[in-house]
């Protein structure tokens, strides 16, 4: 009887620790606007979308995506290397398309997350060749759409695909410097 009670208690503790629904996430997507990435408007725009999806603020994600589209359209090739320009040109059309979809779907966070997944794939290629003022972390989420990842400026896992439902779901895959 004691073993059954102990096992039930352990299972309840584990379930409670893993089940984070109902928890309010207190993050302000604009709180660290003056970051080391401020001089990199494409990266800053992506990171603002990521932060907004973490806290389930679809309206701020939409605004950040609109700004990201403007930054993608005004990319200054003169200040980049040939390799950076080539990668940028490869991702530009798709990145704009997905950022626009995030922007126009301010009331549909699930759709925003779907397009953020694809945007993350493009941005991964971009940050790999960009001169970064600080590390970017590639974080894997095995549960979203058969495996997805996102980029973050911190190692701290805050999942933009599930928000407060599975905030800590993910594992650090790579540090990009």
N, C-alpha and C. Protein backbone atom coordinates (compact mmCIF):
# COMPACT_ATOMS: atom_id res chain seq x y z
N UNK A 1 0.82 -1.19 0.00
CA UNK A 1 0.00 0.00 0.00
C UNK A 1 0.87 1.26 0.00
N UNK A 2 1.95 1.25 0.83
CA UNK A 2 2.83 2.41 0.88
C UNK A 2 3.53 2.62 -0.46
N UNK A 3 3.90 1.51 -1.12
CA UNK A 3 4.56 1.61 -2.43
C UNK A 3 3.62 2.23 -3.45
N UNK A 4 2.36 1.83 -3.44
CA UNK A 4 1.39 2.38 -4.38
C UNK A 4 1.17 3.87 -4.13
N UNK A 5 1.08 4.25 -2.87
CA UNK A 5 0.91 5.66 -2.53
C UNK A 5 2.13 6.47 -2.94
N UNK A 6 3.31 5.92 -2.70
CA UNK A 6 4.56 6.59 -3.08
C UNK A 6 4.64 6.76 -4.60
N UNK A 7 4.31 5.69 -5.34
CA UNK A 7 4.35 5.74 -6.81
C UNK A 7 3.35 6.77 -7.34
N UNK A 8 2.17 6.81 -6.76
CA UNK A 8 1.15 7.77 -7.17
C UNK A 8 1.63 9.20 -6.91
N UNK A 9 2.27 9.41 -5.77
CA UNK A 9 2.79 10.74 -5.44
C UNK A 9 3.87 11.16 -6.42
N UNK A 10 4.77 10.26 -6.75
CA UNK A 10 5.85 10.56 -7.70
C UNK A 10 5.26 10.90 -9.07
N UNK A 11 4.30 10.13 -9.53
CA UNK A 11 3.67 10.38 -10.83
C UNK A 11 2.98 11.74 -10.82
N UNK A 12 2.31 12.07 -9.74
CA UNK A 12 1.63 13.37 -9.64
C UNK A 12 2.63 14.52 -9.68
N UNK A 13 3.76 14.35 -9.01
CA UNK A 13 4.80 15.39 -9.02
C UNK A 13 5.35 15.58 -10.42
N UNK A 14 5.65 14.49 -11.10
CA UNK A 14 6.19 14.56 -12.46
C UNK A 14 5.17 15.21 -13.39
N UNK A 15 3.92 14.79 -13.29
CA UNK A 15 2.88 15.36 -14.15
C UNK A 15 2.73 16.85 -13.91
N UNK A 16 2.74 17.25 -12.66
CA UNK A 16 2.60 18.66 -12.32
C UNK A 16 3.78 19.47 -12.83
N UNK A 17 4.98 18.91 -12.73
CA UNK A 17 6.17 19.63 -13.19
C UNK A 17 6.17 19.80 -14.70
N UNK A 18 5.67 18.81 -15.43
CA UNK A 18 5.68 18.87 -16.89
C UNK A 18 4.48 19.60 -17.46
N UNK A 19 3.38 19.61 -16.76
CA UNK A 19 2.18 20.25 -17.25
C UNK A 19 2.17 21.70 -16.80
N UNK A 20 2.40 22.60 -17.73
CA UNK A 20 2.53 24.00 -17.38
C UNK A 20 1.37 24.84 -17.88
N UNK A 21 0.27 24.24 -18.27
CA UNK A 21 -0.85 25.03 -18.76
C UNK A 21 -1.42 25.86 -17.64
N UNK A 22 -1.97 26.99 -18.02
CA UNK A 22 -2.55 27.88 -17.04
C UNK A 22 -1.54 28.84 -16.44
N UNK A 23 -0.30 28.63 -16.71
CA UNK A 23 0.76 29.49 -16.19
C UNK A 23 0.86 30.74 -17.05
N UNK A 24 0.92 31.87 -16.43
CA UNK A 24 1.07 33.11 -17.18
C UNK A 24 2.55 33.41 -17.35
N UNK A 25 2.93 33.67 -18.56
CA UNK A 25 4.33 33.97 -18.85
C UNK A 25 4.49 35.48 -18.80
N UNK A 26 5.40 35.93 -17.99
CA UNK A 26 5.62 37.36 -17.83
C UNK A 26 6.88 37.77 -18.58
N UNK A 27 6.74 38.05 -19.84
CA UNK A 27 7.84 38.56 -20.64
C UNK A 27 7.31 39.73 -21.45
N UNK A 28 8.11 40.70 -21.63
CA UNK A 28 7.74 41.82 -22.48
C UNK A 28 8.57 41.71 -23.75
N UNK A 29 7.96 41.48 -24.91
CA UNK A 29 8.74 41.28 -26.12
C UNK A 29 9.60 42.48 -26.49
N UNK A 30 9.31 43.64 -25.96
CA UNK A 30 10.11 44.83 -26.28
C UNK A 30 11.11 45.18 -25.18
N UNK A 31 11.17 44.36 -24.12
CA UNK A 31 11.96 44.72 -22.95
C UNK A 31 13.45 44.91 -23.22
N UNK A 32 14.01 44.14 -24.12
CA UNK A 32 15.43 44.26 -24.39
C UNK A 32 15.65 44.75 -25.81
N UNK A 33 14.92 45.77 -26.18
CA UNK A 33 15.00 46.28 -27.55
C UNK A 33 16.40 46.76 -27.89
N UNK A 34 17.10 47.32 -26.91
CA UNK A 34 18.47 47.76 -27.17
C UNK A 34 19.39 46.59 -26.85
N UNK A 35 19.51 45.69 -27.77
CA UNK A 35 20.37 44.53 -27.57
C UNK A 35 21.56 44.64 -28.49
N UNK A 36 22.43 43.65 -28.36
CA UNK A 36 23.59 43.62 -29.24
C UNK A 36 23.17 43.38 -30.69
N UNK A 37 21.93 42.96 -30.91
CA UNK A 37 21.47 42.69 -32.27
C UNK A 37 20.74 43.88 -32.89
N UNK A 38 20.68 45.00 -32.17
CA UNK A 38 19.98 46.17 -32.70
C UNK A 38 20.57 46.63 -34.03
N UNK A 39 21.88 46.45 -34.19
CA UNK A 39 22.52 46.84 -35.44
C UNK A 39 22.25 45.82 -36.55
N UNK A 40 21.60 44.75 -36.22
CA UNK A 40 21.25 43.70 -37.17
C UNK A 40 19.73 43.61 -37.24
N UNK A 41 19.07 44.49 -38.01
CA UNK A 41 17.60 44.56 -37.99
C UNK A 41 16.91 43.26 -38.40
N UNK A 42 17.52 42.47 -39.28
CA UNK A 42 16.89 41.21 -39.66
C UNK A 42 16.86 40.26 -38.47
N UNK A 43 17.97 40.15 -37.79
CA UNK A 43 18.04 39.24 -36.64
C UNK A 43 17.16 39.76 -35.51
N UNK A 44 17.22 41.05 -35.24
CA UNK A 44 16.39 41.64 -34.18
C UNK A 44 14.90 41.43 -34.49
N UNK A 45 14.51 41.59 -35.75
CA UNK A 45 13.12 41.35 -36.13
C UNK A 45 12.69 39.92 -35.90
N UNK A 46 13.53 38.99 -36.31
CA UNK A 46 13.25 37.56 -36.09
C UNK A 46 13.11 37.28 -34.60
N UNK A 47 14.05 37.78 -33.80
CA UNK A 47 14.04 37.51 -32.36
C UNK A 47 12.82 38.12 -31.67
N UNK A 48 12.33 39.24 -32.18
CA UNK A 48 11.13 39.85 -31.61
C UNK A 48 9.90 38.99 -31.91
N UNK A 49 9.85 38.42 -33.10
CA UNK A 49 8.76 37.49 -33.43
C UNK A 49 8.83 36.29 -32.50
N UNK A 50 10.03 35.74 -32.36
CA UNK A 50 10.22 34.56 -31.50
C UNK A 50 9.74 34.84 -30.08
N UNK A 51 10.17 35.96 -29.51
CA UNK A 51 9.78 36.32 -28.14
C UNK A 51 8.26 36.50 -28.03
N UNK A 52 7.68 37.12 -29.03
CA UNK A 52 6.23 37.37 -29.02
C UNK A 52 5.44 36.07 -29.06
N UNK A 53 5.90 35.11 -29.84
CA UNK A 53 5.20 33.83 -29.90
C UNK A 53 5.35 33.05 -28.59
N UNK A 54 6.47 33.21 -27.92
CA UNK A 54 6.66 32.57 -26.62
C UNK A 54 5.58 33.02 -25.65
N UNK A 55 5.32 34.32 -25.62
CA UNK A 55 4.33 34.85 -24.67
C UNK A 55 2.92 34.89 -25.27
N UNK A 56 2.79 34.30 -26.44
CA UNK A 56 1.50 34.18 -27.12
C UNK A 56 0.87 35.54 -27.43
N UNK A 57 1.73 36.47 -27.82
CA UNK A 57 1.28 37.81 -28.20
C UNK A 57 1.30 37.89 -29.73
N UNK A 58 0.24 37.41 -30.34
CA UNK A 58 0.19 37.33 -31.80
C UNK A 58 0.18 38.71 -32.46
N UNK A 59 -0.34 39.70 -31.78
CA UNK A 59 -0.38 41.05 -32.37
C UNK A 59 1.03 41.65 -32.46
N UNK A 60 1.83 41.50 -31.41
CA UNK A 60 3.20 42.00 -31.46
C UNK A 60 4.02 41.20 -32.46
N UNK A 61 3.76 39.89 -32.55
CA UNK A 61 4.44 39.07 -33.56
C UNK A 61 4.12 39.59 -34.95
N UNK A 62 2.87 39.95 -35.18
CA UNK A 62 2.46 40.48 -36.49
C UNK A 62 3.15 41.81 -36.79
N UNK A 63 3.22 42.68 -35.80
CA UNK A 63 3.90 43.97 -35.99
C UNK A 63 5.38 43.78 -36.28
N UNK A 64 6.01 42.87 -35.53
CA UNK A 64 7.44 42.60 -35.74
C UNK A 64 7.68 41.99 -37.11
N UNK A 65 6.76 41.14 -37.56
CA UNK A 65 6.89 40.53 -38.88
C UNK A 65 6.77 41.58 -39.98
N UNK A 66 5.88 42.53 -39.78
CA UNK A 66 5.74 43.62 -40.76
C UNK A 66 7.04 44.43 -40.85
N UNK A 67 7.63 44.72 -39.71
CA UNK A 67 8.90 45.44 -39.67
C UNK A 67 10.01 44.60 -40.30
N UNK A 68 9.97 43.29 -40.07
CA UNK A 68 10.96 42.40 -40.66
C UNK A 68 10.87 42.42 -42.18
N UNK A 69 9.67 42.43 -42.72
CA UNK A 69 9.50 42.51 -44.18
C UNK A 69 10.15 43.79 -44.70
N UNK A 70 9.93 44.89 -44.01
CA UNK A 70 10.56 46.15 -44.42
C UNK A 70 12.08 46.04 -44.39
N UNK A 71 12.61 45.40 -43.35
CA UNK A 71 14.07 45.23 -43.24
C UNK A 71 14.60 44.32 -44.34
N UNK A 72 13.86 43.27 -44.65
CA UNK A 72 14.28 42.36 -45.73
C UNK A 72 14.31 43.10 -47.06
N UNK A 73 13.33 43.96 -47.27
CA UNK A 73 13.26 44.72 -48.53
C UNK A 73 14.30 45.83 -48.62
N UNK A 74 14.83 46.26 -47.49
CA UNK A 74 15.82 47.35 -47.52
C UNK A 74 17.23 46.87 -47.16
N UNK A 75 17.47 45.59 -47.28
CA UNK A 75 18.78 44.99 -46.99
C UNK A 75 19.87 45.67 -47.83
N UNK A 76 20.92 46.13 -47.17
CA UNK A 76 22.00 46.83 -47.85
C UNK A 76 23.11 45.84 -48.22
N UNK A 77 23.12 45.44 -49.47
CA UNK A 77 24.11 44.46 -49.91
C UNK A 77 25.53 45.01 -49.87
N UNK A 78 25.70 46.32 -49.97
CA UNK A 78 27.04 46.92 -50.02
C UNK A 78 27.85 46.64 -48.76
N UNK A 79 27.18 46.46 -47.65
CA UNK A 79 27.90 46.26 -46.40
C UNK A 79 28.08 44.79 -46.02
N UNK A 80 27.92 43.89 -47.00
CA UNK A 80 28.03 42.46 -46.73
C UNK A 80 28.98 41.79 -47.72
N UNK A 81 29.44 40.61 -47.33
CA UNK A 81 30.34 39.84 -48.19
C UNK A 81 29.54 39.15 -49.29
N UNK A 82 30.25 38.65 -50.28
CA UNK A 82 29.59 37.93 -51.39
C UNK A 82 28.84 36.71 -50.87
N UNK A 83 29.43 35.99 -49.92
CA UNK A 83 28.78 34.80 -49.36
C UNK A 83 27.49 35.19 -48.63
N UNK A 84 27.55 36.25 -47.84
CA UNK A 84 26.36 36.71 -47.13
C UNK A 84 25.26 37.15 -48.10
N UNK A 85 25.66 37.83 -49.15
CA UNK A 85 24.69 38.29 -50.15
C UNK A 85 24.04 37.10 -50.85
N UNK A 86 24.83 36.09 -51.20
CA UNK A 86 24.28 34.90 -51.87
C UNK A 86 23.27 34.19 -50.99
N UNK A 87 23.60 34.02 -49.71
CA UNK A 87 22.66 33.35 -48.80
C UNK A 87 21.41 34.22 -48.64
N UNK A 88 21.59 35.51 -48.46
CA UNK A 88 20.45 36.40 -48.32
C UNK A 88 19.53 36.31 -49.53
N UNK A 89 20.09 36.34 -50.71
CA UNK A 89 19.27 36.27 -51.93
C UNK A 89 18.50 34.95 -52.00
N UNK A 90 19.10 33.87 -51.51
CA UNK A 90 18.43 32.57 -51.53
C UNK A 90 17.24 32.53 -50.57
N UNK A 91 17.35 33.20 -49.44
CA UNK A 91 16.28 33.13 -48.44
C UNK A 91 15.25 34.25 -48.55
N UNK A 92 15.60 35.32 -49.23
CA UNK A 92 14.79 36.55 -49.20
C UNK A 92 13.32 36.33 -49.57
N UNK A 93 13.05 35.74 -50.71
CA UNK A 93 11.66 35.59 -51.17
C UNK A 93 10.84 34.77 -50.19
N UNK A 94 11.38 33.65 -49.76
CA UNK A 94 10.67 32.78 -48.83
C UNK A 94 10.52 33.45 -47.46
N UNK A 95 11.56 34.14 -47.01
CA UNK A 95 11.49 34.82 -45.72
C UNK A 95 10.43 35.92 -45.75
N UNK A 96 10.37 36.67 -46.83
CA UNK A 96 9.34 37.72 -46.95
C UNK A 96 7.95 37.09 -46.95
N UNK A 97 7.78 36.03 -47.72
CA UNK A 97 6.48 35.36 -47.80
C UNK A 97 6.01 34.91 -46.42
N UNK A 98 6.90 34.29 -45.66
CA UNK A 98 6.50 33.79 -44.34
C UNK A 98 6.33 34.90 -43.32
N UNK A 99 7.17 35.92 -43.38
CA UNK A 99 7.00 37.07 -42.48
C UNK A 99 5.68 37.78 -42.79
N UNK A 100 5.33 37.90 -44.07
CA UNK A 100 4.05 38.52 -44.43
C UNK A 100 2.88 37.70 -43.89
N UNK A 101 2.98 36.38 -43.94
CA UNK A 101 1.90 35.54 -43.41
C UNK A 101 1.77 35.69 -41.89
N UNK A 102 2.90 35.84 -41.22
CA UNK A 102 2.85 36.09 -39.77
C UNK A 102 2.19 37.45 -39.53
N UNK A 103 2.51 38.41 -40.36
CA UNK A 103 1.98 39.77 -40.20
C UNK A 103 0.47 39.85 -40.42
N UNK A 104 -0.03 39.21 -41.45
CA UNK A 104 -1.46 39.34 -41.78
C UNK A 104 -2.35 38.41 -40.96
N UNK A 105 -1.76 37.55 -40.16
CA UNK A 105 -2.55 36.62 -39.36
C UNK A 105 -2.42 36.92 -37.87
N UNK A 106 -2.61 38.18 -37.52
CA UNK A 106 -2.44 38.62 -36.13
C UNK A 106 -3.39 37.93 -35.16
N UNK A 107 -4.49 37.41 -35.66
CA UNK A 107 -5.46 36.75 -34.78
C UNK A 107 -5.39 35.22 -34.87
N UNK A 108 -4.37 34.69 -35.55
CA UNK A 108 -4.27 33.24 -35.75
C UNK A 108 -2.86 32.77 -35.38
N UNK A 109 -2.62 32.62 -34.08
CA UNK A 109 -1.26 32.31 -33.62
C UNK A 109 -0.78 30.95 -34.13
N UNK A 110 -1.68 29.98 -34.31
CA UNK A 110 -1.24 28.68 -34.83
C UNK A 110 -0.69 28.82 -36.25
N UNK A 111 -1.33 29.64 -37.05
CA UNK A 111 -0.84 29.89 -38.40
C UNK A 111 0.47 30.68 -38.37
N UNK A 112 0.58 31.62 -37.46
CA UNK A 112 1.84 32.36 -37.31
C UNK A 112 2.98 31.39 -36.97
N UNK A 113 2.71 30.46 -36.08
CA UNK A 113 3.75 29.50 -35.67
C UNK A 113 4.15 28.60 -36.83
N UNK A 114 3.19 28.22 -37.65
CA UNK A 114 3.50 27.40 -38.83
C UNK A 114 4.48 28.14 -39.74
N UNK A 115 4.23 29.42 -39.97
CA UNK A 115 5.12 30.21 -40.84
C UNK A 115 6.43 30.56 -40.14
N UNK A 116 6.41 30.66 -38.83
CA UNK A 116 7.63 30.91 -38.07
C UNK A 116 8.59 29.72 -38.19
N UNK A 117 8.05 28.52 -38.24
CA UNK A 117 8.88 27.32 -38.43
C UNK A 117 9.69 27.44 -39.72
N UNK A 118 9.04 27.83 -40.80
CA UNK A 118 9.72 27.95 -42.09
C UNK A 118 10.67 29.14 -42.07
N UNK A 119 10.25 30.23 -41.46
CA UNK A 119 11.11 31.40 -41.33
C UNK A 119 12.38 31.05 -40.55
N UNK A 120 12.25 30.22 -39.54
CA UNK A 120 13.41 29.79 -38.75
C UNK A 120 14.40 29.02 -39.60
N UNK A 121 13.91 28.19 -40.50
CA UNK A 121 14.80 27.43 -41.38
C UNK A 121 15.59 28.37 -42.28
N UNK A 122 14.94 29.39 -42.82
CA UNK A 122 15.64 30.38 -43.64
C UNK A 122 16.65 31.18 -42.81
N UNK A 123 16.22 31.62 -41.64
CA UNK A 123 17.10 32.44 -40.82
C UNK A 123 18.30 31.66 -40.30
N UNK A 124 18.15 30.38 -40.13
CA UNK A 124 19.30 29.56 -39.72
C UNK A 124 20.41 29.68 -40.77
N UNK A 125 20.04 29.54 -42.03
CA UNK A 125 21.04 29.68 -43.10
C UNK A 125 21.67 31.07 -43.08
N UNK A 126 20.86 32.08 -42.83
CA UNK A 126 21.34 33.46 -42.82
C UNK A 126 22.31 33.71 -41.66
N UNK A 127 21.95 33.32 -40.44
CA UNK A 127 22.82 33.61 -39.30
C UNK A 127 24.12 32.82 -39.35
N UNK A 128 24.11 31.70 -40.06
CA UNK A 128 25.35 30.91 -40.19
C UNK A 128 26.45 31.69 -40.91
N UNK A 129 26.09 32.62 -41.79
CA UNK A 129 27.10 33.37 -42.54
C UNK A 129 27.21 34.83 -42.08
N UNK A 130 26.32 35.26 -41.23
CA UNK A 130 26.32 36.66 -40.78
C UNK A 130 27.40 36.87 -39.71
N UNK A 131 27.94 38.07 -39.65
CA UNK A 131 28.86 38.44 -38.58
C UNK A 131 28.02 38.78 -37.35
N UNK A 132 28.05 37.91 -36.37
CA UNK A 132 27.19 38.08 -35.20
C UNK A 132 27.93 38.78 -34.06
N UNK A 133 27.30 39.76 -33.44
CA UNK A 133 27.92 40.43 -32.30
C UNK A 133 27.84 39.61 -31.01
N UNK A 134 27.02 38.56 -31.02
CA UNK A 134 26.85 37.67 -29.87
C UNK A 134 26.35 36.33 -30.41
N UNK A 135 26.49 35.27 -29.63
CA UNK A 135 26.02 33.96 -30.11
C UNK A 135 24.50 33.92 -30.32
N UNK A 136 24.11 33.08 -31.25
CA UNK A 136 22.70 32.73 -31.47
C UNK A 136 22.62 31.23 -31.20
N UNK A 137 21.54 30.81 -30.56
CA UNK A 137 21.39 29.41 -30.20
C UNK A 137 20.28 28.77 -31.02
N UNK A 138 20.59 27.62 -31.58
CA UNK A 138 19.60 26.83 -32.31
C UNK A 138 19.02 25.83 -31.32
N UNK A 139 17.71 25.92 -31.11
CA UNK A 139 17.05 25.07 -30.12
C UNK A 139 16.03 24.19 -30.84
N UNK A 140 16.08 22.92 -30.54
CA UNK A 140 15.24 21.91 -31.18
C UNK A 140 13.97 21.66 -30.37
N UNK A 141 12.86 21.54 -31.08
CA UNK A 141 11.59 21.13 -30.47
C UNK A 141 11.14 19.88 -31.22
N UNK A 142 11.32 18.70 -30.64
CA UNK A 142 10.98 17.47 -31.35
C UNK A 142 9.48 17.24 -31.53
N UNK A 143 8.66 17.98 -30.80
CA UNK A 143 7.23 17.70 -30.80
C UNK A 143 6.41 18.54 -31.77
N UNK A 144 6.95 19.64 -32.27
CA UNK A 144 6.17 20.50 -33.17
C UNK A 144 6.40 20.08 -34.61
N UNK A 145 5.33 19.70 -35.29
CA UNK A 145 5.38 19.36 -36.73
C UNK A 145 6.50 18.36 -37.05
N UNK A 146 6.58 17.29 -36.29
CA UNK A 146 7.58 16.23 -36.50
C UNK A 146 9.02 16.73 -36.39
N UNK A 147 9.23 17.70 -35.58
CA UNK A 147 10.58 18.22 -35.34
C UNK A 147 10.77 19.58 -35.96
N UNK A 148 11.06 20.54 -35.14
CA UNK A 148 11.27 21.91 -35.58
C UNK A 148 12.36 22.52 -34.72
N UNK A 149 12.81 23.68 -35.11
CA UNK A 149 13.76 24.39 -34.27
C UNK A 149 13.47 25.87 -34.37
N UNK A 150 14.08 26.61 -33.48
CA UNK A 150 14.03 28.06 -33.54
C UNK A 150 15.38 28.60 -33.11
N UNK A 151 15.59 29.86 -33.37
CA UNK A 151 16.83 30.53 -33.00
C UNK A 151 16.54 31.47 -31.84
N UNK A 152 17.48 31.54 -30.92
CA UNK A 152 17.29 32.37 -29.73
C UNK A 152 18.60 33.07 -29.37
N UNK A 153 18.48 34.19 -28.70
CA UNK A 153 19.69 34.88 -28.25
C UNK A 153 20.10 34.40 -26.86
N UNK A 154 19.36 33.46 -26.30
CA UNK A 154 19.67 32.91 -24.99
C UNK A 154 19.57 31.39 -25.00
N UNK A 155 20.33 30.75 -24.14
CA UNK A 155 20.28 29.28 -24.01
C UNK A 155 19.02 28.83 -23.27
N UNK A 156 18.38 29.75 -22.60
CA UNK A 156 17.19 29.44 -21.81
C UNK A 156 16.07 29.00 -22.75
N UNK A 157 15.52 27.82 -22.52
CA UNK A 157 14.48 27.27 -23.39
C UNK A 157 13.14 27.93 -23.08
N UNK A 158 12.62 28.64 -24.09
CA UNK A 158 11.27 29.22 -24.03
C UNK A 158 10.66 28.98 -25.40
N UNK A 159 9.81 27.97 -25.48
CA UNK A 159 9.32 27.44 -26.74
C UNK A 159 8.27 28.34 -27.41
N UNK A 160 8.58 28.88 -28.59
CA UNK A 160 7.62 29.72 -29.30
C UNK A 160 6.52 28.92 -30.01
N UNK A 161 6.70 27.62 -30.14
CA UNK A 161 5.71 26.80 -30.85
C UNK A 161 4.55 26.39 -29.96
N UNK A 162 4.77 26.28 -28.67
CA UNK A 162 3.72 25.85 -27.76
C UNK A 162 3.42 26.87 -26.66
N UNK A 163 4.22 27.92 -26.55
CA UNK A 163 3.97 28.93 -25.52
C UNK A 163 3.90 28.32 -24.14
N UNK A 164 2.93 28.76 -23.34
CA UNK A 164 2.86 28.29 -21.96
C UNK A 164 2.40 26.84 -21.82
N UNK A 165 1.95 26.23 -22.89
CA UNK A 165 1.53 24.83 -22.81
C UNK A 165 2.72 23.91 -22.61
N UNK A 166 3.84 24.24 -23.24
CA UNK A 166 5.06 23.43 -23.13
C UNK A 166 6.27 24.37 -23.21
N UNK A 167 6.30 25.32 -22.34
CA UNK A 167 7.29 26.39 -22.38
C UNK A 167 8.73 25.88 -22.41
N UNK A 168 9.02 24.86 -21.65
CA UNK A 168 10.40 24.39 -21.52
C UNK A 168 10.72 23.21 -22.43
N UNK A 169 9.85 22.91 -23.37
CA UNK A 169 10.08 21.79 -24.29
C UNK A 169 11.12 22.21 -25.33
N UNK A 170 12.23 21.51 -25.36
CA UNK A 170 13.27 21.80 -26.34
C UNK A 170 14.64 21.47 -25.80
N UNK A 171 15.60 21.40 -26.69
CA UNK A 171 16.98 21.18 -26.26
C UNK A 171 17.93 21.95 -27.18
N UNK A 172 18.99 22.43 -26.59
CA UNK A 172 19.99 23.20 -27.31
C UNK A 172 20.71 22.29 -28.29
N UNK A 173 20.70 22.66 -29.57
CA UNK A 173 21.35 21.86 -30.61
C UNK A 173 22.69 22.44 -31.04
N UNK A 174 22.77 23.76 -31.09
CA UNK A 174 23.97 24.36 -31.67
C UNK A 174 24.13 25.80 -31.17
N UNK A 175 25.38 26.18 -31.01
CA UNK A 175 25.71 27.57 -30.71
C UNK A 175 26.36 28.15 -31.96
N UNK A 176 25.78 29.22 -32.48
CA UNK A 176 26.28 29.85 -33.71
C UNK A 176 26.98 31.14 -33.31
N UNK A 177 28.25 31.25 -33.69
CA UNK A 177 29.03 32.44 -33.32
C UNK A 177 29.48 33.18 -34.54
